[in-house]
Amino acid sequence: MAGKFFDEWIVGDRIEHEIRRTVTETDNLLFSVMTHNPQPLHIDVEAAKASGFGQILVNSTFTFSLLVGLSVGDTTLGTLVANLGFDKVVTPNPVFIGDTLRAASEVKDLRASKSRPDAGIVTFIHELTNQRGEVVCRCERSALLRRKPAA
């Protein structure tokens, strides 16, 4: 199991996730079509060329989903009870086809669950950067994680 239990986290823990991902045209097109997002900036090369970006802009909800996905293996895989919420999602820089993205996570807060003595809530700050070191997405995620089983 790659994720950590609630009791194994400390506020300030930081992970630079090793898996990187280069965004492809197929990623963007499939995600946009699967989520019924017809925004021409995402799926129409000519409309995108005429925009201020001059090229296809990757769907920001794909960018957000990729950020969370890249973090799961090192944070909550096998220990997650439920994601409780995502807050303060920002996309300060655009993502384009061909960008290579990397995620990092930091523990912002820990608190025991009042309703589940076998679990606790970890608040992570997840951040996604491109190959130039620019932040392209950041969010806070509150996750309910199992406590480490008694030996």
C-alpha atoms as a PDB file:
ATOM      1  CA  MET A   1       0.000   0.000   0.000  1.00  0.00           C
ATOM      2  CA  ALA A   2       1.463   3.325  -1.044  1.00  0.00           C
ATOM      3  CA  GLY A   3      -0.771   5.758   0.853  1.00  0.00           C
ATOM      4  CA  LYS A   4      -0.329   6.670   4.491  1.00  0.00           C
ATOM      5  CA  PHE A   5      -2.723   6.259   7.383  1.00  0.00           C
ATOM      6  CA  PHE A   6      -4.011   9.338   9.215  1.00  0.00           C
ATOM      7  CA  ASP A   7      -1.637   8.778  12.165  1.00  0.00           C
ATOM      8  CA  GLU A   8       1.416   8.686   9.875  1.00  0.00           C
ATOM      9  CA  TRP A   9       1.023  12.260   8.624  1.00  0.00           C
ATOM     10  CA  ILE A  10       2.554  15.380  10.215  1.00  0.00           C
ATOM     11  CA  VAL A  11       1.559  18.954   9.387  1.00  0.00           C
ATOM     12  CA  GLY A  12       4.188  20.261   6.969  1.00  0.00           C
ATOM     13  CA  ASP A  13       4.949  16.876   5.362  1.00  0.00           C
ATOM     14  CA  ARG A  14       5.742  17.524   1.693  1.00  0.00           C
ATOM     15  CA  ILE A  15       5.930  15.096  -1.206  1.00  0.00           C
ATOM     16  CA  GLU A  16       7.227  15.763  -4.703  1.00  0.00           C
ATOM     17  CA  HIS A  17       5.333  13.106  -6.656  1.00  0.00           C
ATOM     18  CA  GLU A  18       7.651  11.245  -9.007  1.00  0.00           C
ATOM     19  CA  ILE A  19       5.179  10.490 -11.780  1.00  0.00           C
ATOM     20  CA  ARG A  20       5.082  13.208 -14.417  1.00  0.00           C
ATOM     21  CA  ARG A  21       2.607  13.391 -17.284  1.00  0.00           C
ATOM     22  CA  THR A  22       2.835  14.986 -20.708  1.00  0.00           C
ATOM     23  CA  VAL A  23      -0.611  16.165 -21.813  1.00  0.00           C
ATOM     24  CA  THR A  24      -1.667  14.928 -25.241  1.00  0.00           C
ATOM     25  CA  GLU A  25      -4.276  16.132 -27.711  1.00  0.00           C
ATOM     26  CA  THR A  26      -6.162  12.878 -27.091  1.00  0.00           C
ATOM     27  CA  ASP A  27      -6.274  13.524 -23.316  1.00  0.00           C
ATOM     28  CA  ASN A  28      -7.810  16.937 -23.831  1.00  0.00           C
ATOM     29  CA  LEU A  29     -10.242  15.939 -26.575  1.00  0.00           C
ATOM     30  CA  LEU A  30     -11.520  12.801 -24.827  1.00  0.00           C
ATOM     31  CA  PHE A  31     -11.930  14.541 -21.477  1.00  0.00           C
ATOM     32  CA  SER A  32     -13.779  17.467 -23.075  1.00  0.00           C
ATOM     33  CA  VAL A  33     -16.084  15.176 -25.064  1.00  0.00           C
ATOM     34  CA  MET A  34     -16.697  12.757 -22.157  1.00  0.00           C
ATOM     35  CA  THR A  35     -17.746  15.659 -19.933  1.00  0.00           C
ATOM     36  CA  HIS A  36     -19.898  17.286 -22.638  1.00  0.00           C
ATOM     37  CA  ASN A  37     -17.764  20.439 -22.706  1.00  0.00           C
ATOM     38  CA  PRO A  38     -18.073  21.962 -26.212  1.00  0.00           C
ATOM     39  CA  GLN A  39     -15.847  24.987 -25.475  1.00  0.00           C
ATOM     40  CA  PRO A  40     -14.147  25.809 -28.815  1.00  0.00           C
ATOM     41  CA  LEU A  41     -10.925  26.788 -26.999  1.00  0.00           C
ATOM     42  CA  HIS A  42     -10.558  23.092 -26.108  1.00  0.00           C
ATOM     43  CA  ILE A  43     -11.714  21.299 -29.266  1.00  0.00           C
ATOM     44  CA  ASP A  44     -11.524  23.656 -32.270  1.00  0.00           C
ATOM     45  CA  VAL A  45      -8.006  24.427 -33.535  1.00  0.00           C
ATOM     46  CA  GLU A  46      -9.137  27.371 -35.675  1.00  0.00           C
ATOM     47  CA  ALA A  47     -11.132  29.002 -32.879  1.00  0.00           C
ATOM     48  CA  ALA A  48      -8.224  28.440 -30.499  1.00  0.00           C
ATOM     49  CA  LYS A  49      -5.766  30.018 -32.973  1.00  0.00           C
ATOM     50  CA  ALA A  50      -7.984  33.110 -33.112  1.00  0.00           C
ATOM     51  CA  SER A  51      -8.065  33.379 -29.299  1.00  0.00           C
ATOM     52  CA  GLY A  52      -5.604  35.181 -27.081  1.00  0.00           C
ATOM     53  CA  PHE A  53      -3.885  31.838 -26.488  1.00  0.00           C
ATOM     54  CA  GLY A  54      -3.214  31.166 -30.178  1.00  0.00           C
ATOM     55  CA  GLN A  55      -3.520  27.412 -29.678  1.00  0.00           C
ATOM     56  CA  ILE A  56      -5.702  24.752 -28.048  1.00  0.00           C
ATOM     57  CA  LEU A  57      -6.101  25.401 -24.338  1.00  0.00           C
ATOM     58  CA  VAL A  58      -6.254  22.220 -22.252  1.00  0.00           C
ATOM     59  CA  ASN A  59      -9.529  21.831 -20.367  1.00  0.00           C
ATOM     60  CA  SER A  60      -8.893  23.110 -16.830  1.00  0.00           C
ATOM     61  CA  THR A  61     -11.052  20.414 -15.264  1.00  0.00           C
ATOM     62  CA  PHE A  62      -8.732  17.835 -16.848  1.00  0.00           C
ATOM     63  CA  THR A  63      -5.786  19.729 -15.341  1.00  0.00           C
ATOM     64  CA  PHE A  64      -7.450  19.647 -11.908  1.00  0.00           C
ATOM     65  CA  SER A  65      -8.294  15.944 -12.215  1.00  0.00           C
ATOM     66  CA  LEU A  66      -4.738  15.125 -13.278  1.00  0.00           C
ATOM     67  CA  LEU A  67      -3.389  17.008 -10.249  1.00  0.00           C
ATOM     68  CA  VAL A  68      -5.495  14.939  -7.889  1.00  0.00           C
ATOM     69  CA  GLY A  69      -4.730  11.711  -9.736  1.00  0.00           C
ATOM     70  CA  LEU A  70      -0.973  12.253  -9.635  1.00  0.00           C
ATOM     71  CA  SER A  71      -1.162  12.733  -5.863  1.00  0.00           C
ATOM     72  CA  VAL A  72      -3.224   9.673  -4.926  1.00  0.00           C
ATOM     73  CA  GLY A  73      -0.495   7.024  -5.074  1.00  0.00           C
ATOM     74  CA  ASP A  74       1.654   8.730  -2.457  1.00  0.00           C
ATOM     75  CA  THR A  75      -1.072  10.137  -0.231  1.00  0.00           C
ATOM     76  CA  THR A  76      -4.316   8.187   0.061  1.00  0.00           C
ATOM     77  CA  LEU A  77      -4.036   4.954  -1.934  1.00  0.00           C
ATOM     78  CA  GLY A  78      -5.413   2.179   0.255  1.00  0.00           C
ATOM     79  CA  THR A  79      -6.173   4.404   3.255  1.00  0.00           C
ATOM     80  CA  LEU A  80      -8.914   6.668   1.920  1.00  0.00           C
ATOM     81  CA  VAL A  81     -12.396   6.418   3.388  1.00  0.00           C
ATOM     82  CA  ALA A  82     -13.718   9.365   1.340  1.00  0.00           C
ATOM     83  CA  ASN A  83     -12.733  12.677  -0.167  1.00  0.00           C
ATOM     84  CA  LEU A  84     -14.664  15.290   1.809  1.00  0.00           C
ATOM     85  CA  GLY A  85     -14.091  18.259  -0.441  1.00  0.00           C
ATOM     86  CA  PHE A  86     -11.903  20.304  -2.712  1.00  0.00           C
ATOM     87  CA  ASP A  87     -11.441  23.987  -1.955  1.00  0.00           C
ATOM     88  CA  LYS A  88      -9.590  26.999  -3.318  1.00  0.00           C
ATOM     89  CA  VAL A  89      -9.054  25.484  -6.768  1.00  0.00           C
ATOM     90  CA  VAL A  90      -7.089  27.913  -8.930  1.00  0.00           C
ATOM     91  CA  THR A  91      -5.530  27.654 -12.384  1.00  0.00           C
ATOM     92  CA  PRO A  92      -3.121  30.614 -12.509  1.00  0.00           C
ATOM     93  CA  ASN A  93      -1.415  29.615 -15.787  1.00  0.00           C
ATOM     94  CA  PRO A  94      -2.697  27.843 -18.899  1.00  0.00           C
ATOM     95  CA  VAL A  95      -1.853  24.291 -19.910  1.00  0.00           C
ATOM     96  CA  PHE A  96      -1.194  23.475 -23.559  1.00  0.00           C
ATOM     97  CA  ILE A  97      -0.897  20.213 -25.444  1.00  0.00           C
ATOM     98  CA  GLY A  98       2.656  18.930 -24.987  1.00  0.00           C
ATOM     99  CA  ASP A  99       3.161  20.426 -21.516  1.00  0.00           C
ATOM    100  CA  THR A 100       4.707  18.039 -18.996  1.00  0.00           C
ATOM    101  CA  LEU A 101       3.154  18.368 -15.564  1.00  0.00           C
ATOM    102  CA  ARG A 102       4.364  17.379 -12.102  1.00  0.00           C
ATOM    103  CA  ALA A 103       2.555  17.428  -8.763  1.00  0.00           C
ATOM    104  CA  ALA A 104       3.562  18.128  -5.172  1.00  0.00           C
ATOM    105  CA  SER A 105       1.524  17.805  -1.986  1.00  0.00           C
ATOM    106  CA  GLU A 106       1.841  19.276   1.493  1.00  0.00           C
ATOM    107  CA  VAL A 107      -0.129  18.508   4.645  1.00  0.00           C
ATOM    108  CA  LYS A 108      -1.836  21.694   5.830  1.00  0.00           C
ATOM    109  CA  ASP A 109      -3.958  20.358   8.680  1.00  0.00           C
ATOM    110  CA  LEU A 110      -4.813  17.217  10.641  1.00  0.00           C
ATOM    111  CA  ARG A 111      -7.785  16.579  12.864  1.00  0.00           C
ATOM    112  CA  ALA A 112      -9.417  13.544  14.360  1.00  0.00           C
ATOM    113  CA  SER A 113     -12.851  12.645  13.072  1.00  0.00           C
ATOM    114  CA  LYS A 114     -15.590  13.335  15.635  1.00  0.00           C
ATOM    115  CA  SER A 115     -17.941  10.755  14.155  1.00  0.00           C
ATOM    116  CA  ARG A 116     -15.421   8.043  13.227  1.00  0.00           C
ATOM    117  CA  PRO A 117     -12.865   7.126  15.891  1.00  0.00           C
ATOM    118  CA  ASP A 118     -11.096   4.884  13.362  1.00  0.00           C
ATOM    119  CA  ALA A 119     -10.336   7.803  11.014  1.00  0.00           C
ATOM    120  CA  GLY A 120      -9.074  11.356  10.758  1.00  0.00           C
ATOM    121  CA  ILE A 121      -9.163  14.245   8.317  1.00  0.00           C
ATOM    122  CA  VAL A 122      -6.048  15.324   6.452  1.00  0.00           C
ATOM    123  CA  THR A 123      -6.093  18.580   4.501  1.00  0.00           C
ATOM    124  CA  PHE A 124      -3.595  18.570   1.658  1.00  0.00           C
ATOM    125  CA  ILE A 125      -2.451  21.415  -0.539  1.00  0.00           C
ATOM    126  CA  HIS A 126      -1.831  19.948  -3.980  1.00  0.00           C
ATOM    127  CA  GLU A 127       0.103  21.909  -6.592  1.00  0.00           C
ATOM    128  CA  LEU A 128       0.738  21.142 -10.268  1.00  0.00           C
ATOM    129  CA  THR A 129       3.583  22.758 -12.217  1.00  0.00           C
ATOM    130  CA  ASN A 130       4.604  22.640 -15.848  1.00  0.00           C
ATOM    131  CA  GLN A 131       8.040  22.009 -17.332  1.00  0.00           C
ATOM    132  CA  ARG A 132       8.913  25.698 -16.848  1.00  0.00           C
ATOM    133  CA  GLY A 133       8.125  25.565 -13.111  1.00  0.00           C
ATOM    134  CA  GLU A 134       4.929  27.614 -13.495  1.00  0.00           C
ATOM    135  CA  VAL A 135       2.010  26.675 -11.240  1.00  0.00           C
ATOM    136  CA  VAL A 136      -0.887  25.597 -13.445  1.00  0.00           C
ATOM    137  CA  CYS A 137      -3.259  24.330 -10.733  1.00  0.00           C
ATOM    138  CA  ARG A 138      -3.481  24.409  -6.952  1.00  0.00           C
ATOM    139  CA  CYS A 139      -6.161  23.179  -4.572  1.00  0.00           C
ATOM    140  CA  GLU A 140      -6.878  22.065  -1.039  1.00  0.00           C
ATOM    141  CA  ARG A 141      -8.262  18.566  -0.559  1.00  0.00           C
ATOM    142  CA  SER A 142      -9.830  17.297   2.651  1.00  0.00           C
ATOM    143  CA  ALA A 143      -9.628  13.525   2.879  1.00  0.00           C
ATOM    144  CA  LEU A 144     -10.988  11.171   5.508  1.00  0.00           C
ATOM    145  CA  LEU A 145      -8.281   8.556   6.093  1.00  0.00           C
ATOM    146  CA  ARG A 146      -8.274   5.393   8.146  1.00  0.00           C
ATOM    147  CA  ARG A 147      -6.126   5.263  11.263  1.00  0.00           C
ATOM    148  CA  LYS A 148      -3.364   2.699  11.395  1.00  0.00           C
ATOM    149  CA  PRO A 149      -4.777  -0.615  12.644  1.00  0.00           C
ATOM    150  CA  ALA A 150      -3.697  -1.700  16.111  1.00  0.00           C
ATOM    151  CA  ALA A 151      -0.951  -4.292  15.976  1.00  0.00           C
END
